[in-house]
Amino acid sequence: MCSASRGDLTARARIRDAAIECFGQQGFGVSVRAIAKHAGVSAGLVIHHFGSKEKLREACDDHVIQLIRETKTETLTSHDSQTFLHQIAEVEEYAGILAYLVRALQTGGKLLQVLYERTLTDAEEYLAKGVEEGVIRPSRDPAKRARWLAGAGLGSILLLITLQEREPGEDIDFRRIMREWSEEMILPALETYTEGLLTERTMLDAYLLYISDPPEGES
């Protein structure tokens, strides 16, 4: 198979980015024709580059996961506060990625399971890199911590979206959602992650003893 030309790569990226936007705003039932129109290309060119709508979504999944991995790794391994502050200033730019993830969660199914598990694997990896850099505390169970953090973050965003009052059929303003989420959640999240919540180890120590020696019949 010959290498794609620069023009082909540019067209492919444009179609992929248009698909992420369309899937995010309209759901995964959106047609190839609508995606093509948004990208400014023909439906035939979409199929030429991706083969099918399913393959196009897989390419979108790959790109979304890559962007999340790169952004999280940069943030969680840096000792420079400006890295984090720059991302906060640009938070609305991640609205398209959020929209895509939300639609995937709402749609469910096998594709979501694959996407979510890949996201969790990446989360565990970039958290481990943060531990290596000395900016994140080690965990007794890194995989479970990654799963809890992902669930807590996505859950808070989904709740905010669900509580929004919209007219039937009205598009979700994901840029506004990202802005409101950052204003409401970043401070308490950073407080909790940095300073902790509990002032003593009573519950943690009790639970560690419990899981090492559970009552008879509960093992």
Protein backbone atom coordinates (compact mmCIF):
# COMPACT_ATOMS: atom_id res chain seq x y z
CA MET A 1 0.00 0.00 0.00
CA CYS A 2 1.46 3.34 -1.05
CA SER A 3 1.89 6.21 1.38
CA ALA A 4 -0.85 8.81 1.41
CA SER A 5 -0.03 12.22 0.05
CA ARG A 6 -0.13 15.29 2.23
CA GLY A 7 -3.39 16.30 0.56
CA ASP A 8 -4.93 12.92 1.39
CA LEU A 9 -3.84 13.21 5.01
CA THR A 10 -5.29 16.71 5.26
CA ALA A 11 -8.61 15.59 3.78
CA ARG A 12 -8.71 12.56 6.08
CA ALA A 13 -8.08 14.70 9.16
CA ARG A 14 -10.72 17.20 8.07
CA ILE A 15 -13.30 14.44 7.64
CA ARG A 16 -12.38 12.90 10.99
CA ASP A 17 -12.66 16.21 12.83
CA ALA A 18 -15.99 16.96 11.14
CA ALA A 19 -17.24 13.52 12.16
CA ILE A 20 -16.26 14.10 15.79
CA GLU A 21 -18.26 17.35 15.76
CA CYS A 22 -21.27 15.77 14.05
CA PHE A 23 -21.29 12.71 16.28
CA GLY A 24 -20.99 14.95 19.33
CA GLN A 25 -23.82 17.30 18.38
CA GLN A 26 -26.21 14.93 16.60
CA GLY A 27 -25.34 11.48 17.94
CA PHE A 28 -23.99 8.44 16.17
CA GLY A 29 -27.06 8.11 13.98
CA VAL A 30 -25.91 11.07 11.87
CA SER A 31 -25.49 10.14 8.21
CA VAL A 32 -22.26 9.93 6.23
CA ARG A 33 -23.76 12.49 3.87
CA ALA A 34 -24.23 14.98 6.74
CA ILE A 35 -20.66 14.41 7.91
CA ALA A 36 -19.37 14.91 4.38
CA LYS A 37 -21.33 18.15 4.02
CA HIS A 38 -19.90 19.43 7.32
CA ALA A 39 -16.38 18.55 6.12
CA GLY A 40 -16.95 20.16 2.73
CA VAL A 41 -16.34 16.94 0.81
CA SER A 42 -18.40 14.30 -0.98
CA ALA A 43 -19.84 11.24 0.77
CA GLY A 44 -17.80 9.15 -1.64
CA LEU A 45 -14.57 10.70 -0.36
CA VAL A 46 -15.53 9.81 3.21
CA ILE A 47 -15.95 6.16 2.19
CA HIS A 48 -12.75 6.34 0.13
CA HIS A 49 -10.74 7.34 3.20
CA PHE A 50 -12.46 5.27 5.88
CA GLY A 51 -14.31 2.46 4.12
CA SER A 52 -17.47 2.70 6.24
CA LYS A 53 -19.16 4.79 8.89
CA GLU A 54 -18.12 2.22 11.52
CA LYS A 55 -14.46 2.56 10.52
CA LEU A 56 -14.82 6.33 10.61
CA ARG A 57 -16.08 6.13 14.17
CA GLU A 58 -13.14 3.90 15.11
CA ALA A 59 -10.81 6.55 13.71
CA CYS A 60 -12.64 9.18 15.77
CA ASP A 61 -12.28 7.03 18.89
CA ASP A 62 -8.54 6.69 18.24
CA HIS A 63 -8.13 10.45 17.82
CA VAL A 64 -10.19 11.35 20.89
CA ILE A 65 -8.26 8.88 23.03
CA GLN A 66 -4.94 10.21 21.73
CA LEU A 67 -5.89 13.82 22.51
CA ILE A 68 -7.02 12.92 26.03
CA ARG A 69 -3.86 10.91 26.64
CA GLU A 70 -1.57 13.69 25.42
CA THR A 71 -3.36 16.42 27.37
CA LYS A 72 -3.59 14.44 30.61
CA THR A 73 0.01 13.27 30.39
CA GLU A 74 1.24 16.82 29.87
CA THR A 75 -0.78 18.10 32.84
CA LEU A 76 -0.10 15.28 35.29
CA THR A 77 3.65 15.04 34.73
CA SER A 78 4.48 18.75 34.75
CA HIS A 79 5.87 20.66 37.72
CA ASP A 80 5.17 23.93 35.88
CA SER A 81 1.92 25.61 36.98
CA GLN A 82 1.69 27.43 33.65
CA THR A 83 0.97 24.14 31.88
CA PHE A 84 -2.18 23.67 33.93
CA LEU A 85 -3.21 27.33 33.78
CA HIS A 86 -2.87 27.33 30.00
CA GLN A 87 -5.21 24.35 29.74
CA ILE A 88 -7.73 26.03 32.04
CA ALA A 89 -7.67 29.12 29.84
CA GLU A 90 -8.34 26.93 26.79
CA VAL A 91 -10.92 24.67 28.47
CA GLU A 92 -13.71 25.53 26.00
CA GLU A 93 -11.54 24.19 23.17
CA TYR A 94 -12.14 20.70 24.55
CA ALA A 95 -15.90 21.01 24.06
CA GLY A 96 -15.89 18.84 20.94
CA ILE A 97 -14.12 16.01 22.75
CA LEU A 98 -16.55 16.28 25.65
CA ALA A 99 -19.53 16.19 23.29
CA TYR A 100 -18.17 13.07 21.62
CA LEU A 101 -17.62 11.29 24.95
CA VAL A 102 -21.07 12.25 26.22
CA ARG A 103 -22.76 10.90 23.07
CA ALA A 104 -20.79 7.68 23.43
CA LEU A 105 -21.91 7.33 27.04
CA GLN A 106 -25.52 8.05 26.14
CA THR A 107 -25.45 5.56 23.25
CA GLY A 108 -23.82 2.75 25.19
CA GLY A 109 -23.13 -0.61 23.60
CA LYS A 110 -19.97 -2.52 22.76
CA LEU A 111 -18.22 0.43 21.12
CA LEU A 112 -18.57 2.45 24.33
CA GLN A 113 -17.13 -0.43 26.36
CA VAL A 114 -14.11 -0.59 24.09
CA LEU A 115 -13.65 3.19 24.13
CA TYR A 116 -14.02 3.42 27.91
CA GLU A 117 -11.64 0.54 28.65
CA ARG A 118 -9.02 2.07 26.36
CA THR A 119 -9.50 5.40 28.15
CA LEU A 120 -9.00 3.70 31.52
CA THR A 121 -5.84 1.95 30.36
CA ASP A 122 -4.43 5.30 29.26
CA ALA A 123 -5.50 6.90 32.54
CA GLU A 124 -3.61 4.29 34.51
CA GLU A 125 -0.53 4.91 32.36
CA TYR A 126 -0.47 8.69 32.67
CA LEU A 127 -1.19 8.50 36.39
CA ALA A 128 1.78 6.13 36.70
CA LYS A 129 3.95 8.66 34.85
CA GLY A 130 2.78 11.29 37.34
CA VAL A 131 3.85 9.00 40.17
CA GLU A 132 7.27 8.57 38.52
CA GLU A 133 7.61 12.35 38.23
CA GLY A 134 6.74 12.75 41.90
CA VAL A 135 3.64 14.90 41.32
CA ILE A 136 1.09 12.15 42.13
CA ARG A 137 0.97 9.93 45.20
CA PRO A 138 1.24 6.18 44.65
CA SER A 139 -1.90 4.06 44.96
CA ARG A 140 -2.50 0.68 46.56
CA ASP A 141 -4.53 -0.21 43.47
CA PRO A 142 -3.65 2.02 40.47
CA ALA A 143 -6.22 0.44 38.14
CA LYS A 144 -9.11 1.00 40.54
CA ARG A 145 -7.98 4.55 41.24
CA ALA A 146 -7.91 5.31 37.51
CA ARG A 147 -11.43 3.87 37.14
CA TRP A 148 -12.75 5.90 40.08
CA LEU A 149 -11.22 9.16 38.85
CA ALA A 150 -12.60 8.66 35.34
CA GLY A 151 -16.06 7.85 36.68
CA ALA A 152 -16.06 10.81 39.05
CA GLY A 153 -14.98 13.25 36.36
CA LEU A 154 -17.38 12.07 33.67
CA GLY A 155 -20.19 11.63 36.18
CA SER A 156 -19.98 15.24 37.34
CA ILE A 157 -20.12 16.46 33.74
CA LEU A 158 -23.06 14.19 32.86
CA LEU A 159 -24.95 15.44 35.91
CA LEU A 160 -24.35 19.05 34.90
CA ILE A 161 -25.63 18.32 31.39
CA THR A 162 -28.70 16.49 32.70
CA LEU A 163 -29.61 19.39 34.96
CA GLN A 164 -29.55 21.89 32.10
CA GLU A 165 -32.97 23.17 31.06
CA ARG A 166 -33.33 22.98 27.28
CA GLU A 167 -36.14 23.07 24.79
CA PRO A 168 -36.92 19.70 23.10
CA GLY A 169 -34.45 19.13 20.27
CA GLU A 170 -32.22 22.03 21.33
CA ASP A 171 -28.48 21.40 20.90
CA ILE A 172 -26.34 21.17 24.01
CA ASP A 173 -23.92 24.07 24.27
CA PHE A 174 -20.85 22.04 25.21
CA ARG A 175 -18.58 25.09 25.27
CA ARG A 176 -20.78 26.61 27.96
CA ILE A 177 -20.87 23.27 29.78
CA MET A 178 -17.08 23.13 29.84
CA ARG A 179 -16.88 26.70 31.12
CA GLU A 180 -19.47 26.12 33.85
CA TRP A 181 -17.89 22.81 34.85
CA SER A 182 -14.48 24.42 35.23
CA GLU A 183 -15.93 27.26 37.32
CA GLU A 184 -17.85 24.89 39.60
CA MET A 185 -15.62 21.84 39.90
CA ILE A 186 -11.94 22.66 39.49
CA LEU A 187 -11.42 24.32 42.90
CA PRO A 188 -13.08 21.58 45.00
CA ALA A 189 -11.42 18.90 42.88
CA LEU A 190 -7.97 20.41 43.34
CA GLU A 191 -8.61 20.90 47.05
CA THR A 192 -9.60 17.28 47.46
CA TYR A 193 -6.81 15.87 45.31
CA THR A 194 -4.10 18.11 46.81
CA GLU A 195 -5.06 18.59 50.46
CA GLY A 196 -7.29 15.58 50.99
CA LEU A 197 -10.72 15.44 52.60
CA LEU A 198 -10.47 13.41 55.79
CA THR A 199 -8.38 14.56 58.75
CA GLU A 200 -7.72 11.06 60.09
CA ARG A 201 -7.16 7.53 58.79
CA THR A 202 -9.97 5.88 60.75
CA MET A 203 -12.10 4.77 57.79
CA LEU A 204 -9.15 3.81 55.56
CA ASP A 205 -7.48 1.73 58.26
CA ALA A 206 -10.77 0.05 59.13
CA TYR A 207 -11.42 -0.81 55.50
CA LEU A 208 -7.90 -2.14 54.92
CA LEU A 209 -8.35 -4.45 57.90
CA TYR A 210 -11.80 -5.45 56.66
CA ILE A 211 -10.67 -6.47 53.17
CA SER A 212 -7.64 -8.34 54.51
CA ASP A 213 -9.79 -10.31 56.96
CA PRO A 214 -13.51 -10.02 56.06
CA PRO A 215 -16.19 -11.53 58.32
CA GLU A 216 -16.84 -15.22 57.77
CA GLY A 217 -19.08 -15.83 54.78
CA GLU A 218 -18.15 -12.56 53.02
CA SER A 219 -14.81 -13.55 51.51
